[in-house]
Amino acid sequence: MKDHLIKAIARERIERLFEFARAYAQSDPEAAREAVAIARRIAQRARMRIPKQYRLIFCRRCGNLFLGTGSFSVRVRDKRTTHVVVKCLKCGWIRRYPALKEKHIRSAAQKP
């Protein structure tokens, strides 16, 4: 099969698995975690990235979905550079996302 056809099939399956995981995250978290694990394996086999909209909603260490308030915490830090800290409350994994664009926009708006 052609490479683009394989990637299209993989993308479709990944989207289906993440929609399943979102639907069952509250009622059956173990099934949702397994769906995320399968989606990650499909992406690895097809040598493609998981789309950003899905990449941001799960823990890379334990596969826990970041849906609801009991699964993760979010903080905004301004120590070295402004960044958002997302922490998984199940395994303690921490992910930092830079928030520099917002800071530059805010400082540009205050100058005049």
C-alpha atoms as a PDB file:
ATOM      1  CA  MET A   1       0.000   0.000   0.000  1.00  0.00           C
ATOM      2  CA  LYS A   2       1.056   3.575  -0.499  1.00  0.00           C
ATOM      3  CA  ASP A   3       2.469   5.502   2.426  1.00  0.00           C
ATOM      4  CA  HIS A   4      -0.170   8.247   2.284  1.00  0.00           C
ATOM      5  CA  LEU A   5      -2.951   5.644   2.301  1.00  0.00           C
ATOM      6  CA  ILE A   6      -1.485   3.964   5.390  1.00  0.00           C
ATOM      7  CA  LYS A   7      -1.229   7.320   7.176  1.00  0.00           C
ATOM      8  CA  ALA A   8      -4.829   8.224   6.255  1.00  0.00           C
ATOM      9  CA  ILE A   9      -6.124   4.921   7.652  1.00  0.00           C
ATOM     10  CA  ALA A  10      -4.004   5.355  10.785  1.00  0.00           C
ATOM     11  CA  ARG A  11      -5.272   8.929  11.294  1.00  0.00           C
ATOM     12  CA  GLU A  12      -8.879   7.770  11.000  1.00  0.00           C
ATOM     13  CA  ARG A  13      -8.348   4.948  13.510  1.00  0.00           C
ATOM     14  CA  ILE A  14      -6.561   7.278  15.936  1.00  0.00           C
ATOM     15  CA  GLU A  15      -9.463   9.739  15.776  1.00  0.00           C
ATOM     16  CA  ARG A  16     -11.991   6.957  16.414  1.00  0.00           C
ATOM     17  CA  LEU A  17     -10.008   5.641  19.375  1.00  0.00           C
ATOM     18  CA  PHE A  18      -9.701   9.086  20.968  1.00  0.00           C
ATOM     19  CA  GLU A  19     -13.433   9.729  20.521  1.00  0.00           C
ATOM     20  CA  PHE A  20     -14.100   6.366  22.194  1.00  0.00           C
ATOM     21  CA  ALA A  21     -11.700   7.292  25.000  1.00  0.00           C
ATOM     22  CA  ARG A  22     -13.458  10.628  25.547  1.00  0.00           C
ATOM     23  CA  ALA A  23     -16.862   8.949  25.656  1.00  0.00           C
ATOM     24  CA  TYR A  24     -15.807   6.321  28.190  1.00  0.00           C
ATOM     25  CA  ALA A  25     -13.333   8.331  30.297  1.00  0.00           C
ATOM     26  CA  GLN A  26     -15.782   8.818  33.183  1.00  0.00           C
ATOM     27  CA  SER A  27     -17.600   5.459  33.153  1.00  0.00           C
ATOM     28  CA  ASP A  28     -14.700   3.108  32.280  1.00  0.00           C
ATOM     29  CA  PRO A  29     -11.304   4.809  32.681  1.00  0.00           C
ATOM     30  CA  GLU A  30      -9.359   1.579  32.131  1.00  0.00           C
ATOM     31  CA  ALA A  31     -10.938   1.067  28.683  1.00  0.00           C
ATOM     32  CA  ALA A  32     -10.199   4.705  27.820  1.00  0.00           C
ATOM     33  CA  ARG A  33      -6.568   4.278  28.885  1.00  0.00           C
ATOM     34  CA  GLU A  34      -6.279   1.144  26.737  1.00  0.00           C
ATOM     35  CA  ALA A  35      -7.770   2.995  23.738  1.00  0.00           C
ATOM     36  CA  VAL A  36      -5.117   5.714  24.137  1.00  0.00           C
ATOM     37  CA  ALA A  37      -2.388   3.049  24.288  1.00  0.00           C
ATOM     38  CA  ILE A  38      -3.674   1.424  21.083  1.00  0.00           C
ATOM     39  CA  ALA A  39      -3.836   4.819  19.338  1.00  0.00           C
ATOM     40  CA  ARG A  40      -0.231   5.527  20.322  1.00  0.00           C
ATOM     41  CA  ARG A  41       0.906   2.150  18.938  1.00  0.00           C
ATOM     42  CA  ILE A  42      -0.940   2.786  15.660  1.00  0.00           C
ATOM     43  CA  ALA A  43       0.804   6.156  15.335  1.00  0.00           C
ATOM     44  CA  GLN A  44       4.185   4.570  16.013  1.00  0.00           C
ATOM     45  CA  ARG A  45       3.636   1.825  13.434  1.00  0.00           C
ATOM     46  CA  ALA A  46       2.516   4.325  10.796  1.00  0.00           C
ATOM     47  CA  ARG A  47       5.408   6.653  11.743  1.00  0.00           C
ATOM     48  CA  MET A  48       3.182   9.649  12.234  1.00  0.00           C
ATOM     49  CA  ARG A  49       2.424  12.104  14.991  1.00  0.00           C
ATOM     50  CA  ILE A  50      -0.756  12.063  17.001  1.00  0.00           C
ATOM     51  CA  PRO A  51      -2.710  15.223  16.101  1.00  0.00           C
ATOM     52  CA  LYS A  52      -2.146  18.071  18.574  1.00  0.00           C
ATOM     53  CA  GLN A  53      -5.796  18.224  19.621  1.00  0.00           C
ATOM     54  CA  TYR A  54      -5.446  14.670  20.973  1.00  0.00           C
ATOM     55  CA  ARG A  55      -1.822  14.872  22.108  1.00  0.00           C
ATOM     56  CA  LEU A  56      -2.650  17.483  24.734  1.00  0.00           C
ATOM     57  CA  ILE A  57      -5.425  15.523  26.468  1.00  0.00           C
ATOM     58  CA  PHE A  58      -3.544  12.518  27.840  1.00  0.00           C
ATOM     59  CA  CYS A  59      -0.597  11.762  30.101  1.00  0.00           C
ATOM     60  CA  ARG A  60       2.360  10.379  28.185  1.00  0.00           C
ATOM     61  CA  ARG A  61       3.541   8.281  31.092  1.00  0.00           C
ATOM     62  CA  CYS A  62       0.388   6.509  32.326  1.00  0.00           C
ATOM     63  CA  GLY A  63      -2.124   7.187  29.510  1.00  0.00           C
ATOM     64  CA  ASN A  64      -4.626   8.889  31.831  1.00  0.00           C
ATOM     65  CA  LEU A  65      -7.030  11.204  29.987  1.00  0.00           C
ATOM     66  CA  PHE A  66      -7.095  14.818  31.138  1.00  0.00           C
ATOM     67  CA  LEU A  67     -10.867  15.145  31.253  1.00  0.00           C
ATOM     68  CA  GLY A  68     -12.666  16.423  34.327  1.00  0.00           C
ATOM     69  CA  THR A  69     -11.076  18.146  37.287  1.00  0.00           C
ATOM     70  CA  GLY A  70      -9.847  15.125  39.222  1.00  0.00           C
ATOM     71  CA  SER A  71      -7.280  13.890  36.720  1.00  0.00           C
ATOM     72  CA  PHE A  72      -4.910  16.850  36.304  1.00  0.00           C
ATOM     73  CA  SER A  73      -3.947  20.256  37.657  1.00  0.00           C
ATOM     74  CA  VAL A  74      -3.020  23.367  35.688  1.00  0.00           C
ATOM     75  CA  ARG A  75      -0.869  26.243  36.925  1.00  0.00           C
ATOM     76  CA  VAL A  76       0.629  29.289  35.269  1.00  0.00           C
ATOM     77  CA  ARG A  77       4.191  30.079  36.306  1.00  0.00           C
ATOM     78  CA  ASP A  78       6.248  33.196  35.672  1.00  0.00           C
ATOM     79  CA  LYS A  79       9.626  32.284  37.153  1.00  0.00           C
ATOM     80  CA  ARG A  80      12.220  32.065  34.351  1.00  0.00           C
ATOM     81  CA  THR A  81       9.787  32.415  31.475  1.00  0.00           C
ATOM     82  CA  THR A  82       6.022  32.353  31.506  1.00  0.00           C
ATOM     83  CA  HIS A  83       4.773  28.793  31.106  1.00  0.00           C
ATOM     84  CA  VAL A  84       1.751  26.621  31.846  1.00  0.00           C
ATOM     85  CA  VAL A  85       2.354  23.546  33.999  1.00  0.00           C
ATOM     86  CA  VAL A  86       0.042  20.554  33.572  1.00  0.00           C
ATOM     87  CA  LYS A  87       0.441  17.811  36.189  1.00  0.00           C
ATOM     88  CA  CYS A  88      -1.129  14.356  36.062  1.00  0.00           C
ATOM     89  CA  LEU A  89      -2.663  13.605  39.440  1.00  0.00           C
ATOM     90  CA  LYS A  90      -2.421   9.853  38.907  1.00  0.00           C
ATOM     91  CA  CYS A  91       1.318   9.409  38.273  1.00  0.00           C
ATOM     92  CA  GLY A  92       2.739  12.895  38.929  1.00  0.00           C
ATOM     93  CA  TRP A  93       4.056  13.467  35.399  1.00  0.00           C
ATOM     94  CA  ILE A  94       4.626  17.162  34.644  1.00  0.00           C
ATOM     95  CA  ARG A  95       4.430  18.862  31.251  1.00  0.00           C
ATOM     96  CA  ARG A  96       5.392  22.499  30.689  1.00  0.00           C
ATOM     97  CA  TYR A  97       4.062  24.531  27.772  1.00  0.00           C
ATOM     98  CA  PRO A  98       5.656  27.909  27.008  1.00  0.00           C
ATOM     99  CA  ALA A  99       3.305  30.881  27.061  1.00  0.00           C
ATOM    100  CA  LEU A 100       5.598  33.530  25.571  1.00  0.00           C
ATOM    101  CA  LYS A 101       3.244  34.729  22.848  1.00  0.00           C
ATOM    102  CA  GLU A 102       0.657  35.886  25.384  1.00  0.00           C
ATOM    103  CA  LYS A 103       3.298  37.761  27.367  1.00  0.00           C
ATOM    104  CA  HIS A 104       4.592  39.558  24.247  1.00  0.00           C
ATOM    105  CA  ILE A 105       1.066  40.501  23.218  1.00  0.00           C
ATOM    106  CA  ARG A 106       0.318  41.816  26.703  1.00  0.00           C
ATOM    107  CA  SER A 107       3.548  43.874  26.887  1.00  0.00           C
ATOM    108  CA  ALA A 108       2.967  45.307  23.410  1.00  0.00           C
ATOM    109  CA  ALA A 109      -0.537  46.372  24.393  1.00  0.00           C
ATOM    110  CA  GLN A 110       0.712  48.192  27.524  1.00  0.00           C
ATOM    111  CA  LYS A 111       3.479  50.237  25.799  1.00  0.00           C
ATOM    112  CA  PRO A 112       1.423  53.009  24.068  1.00  0.00           C
END
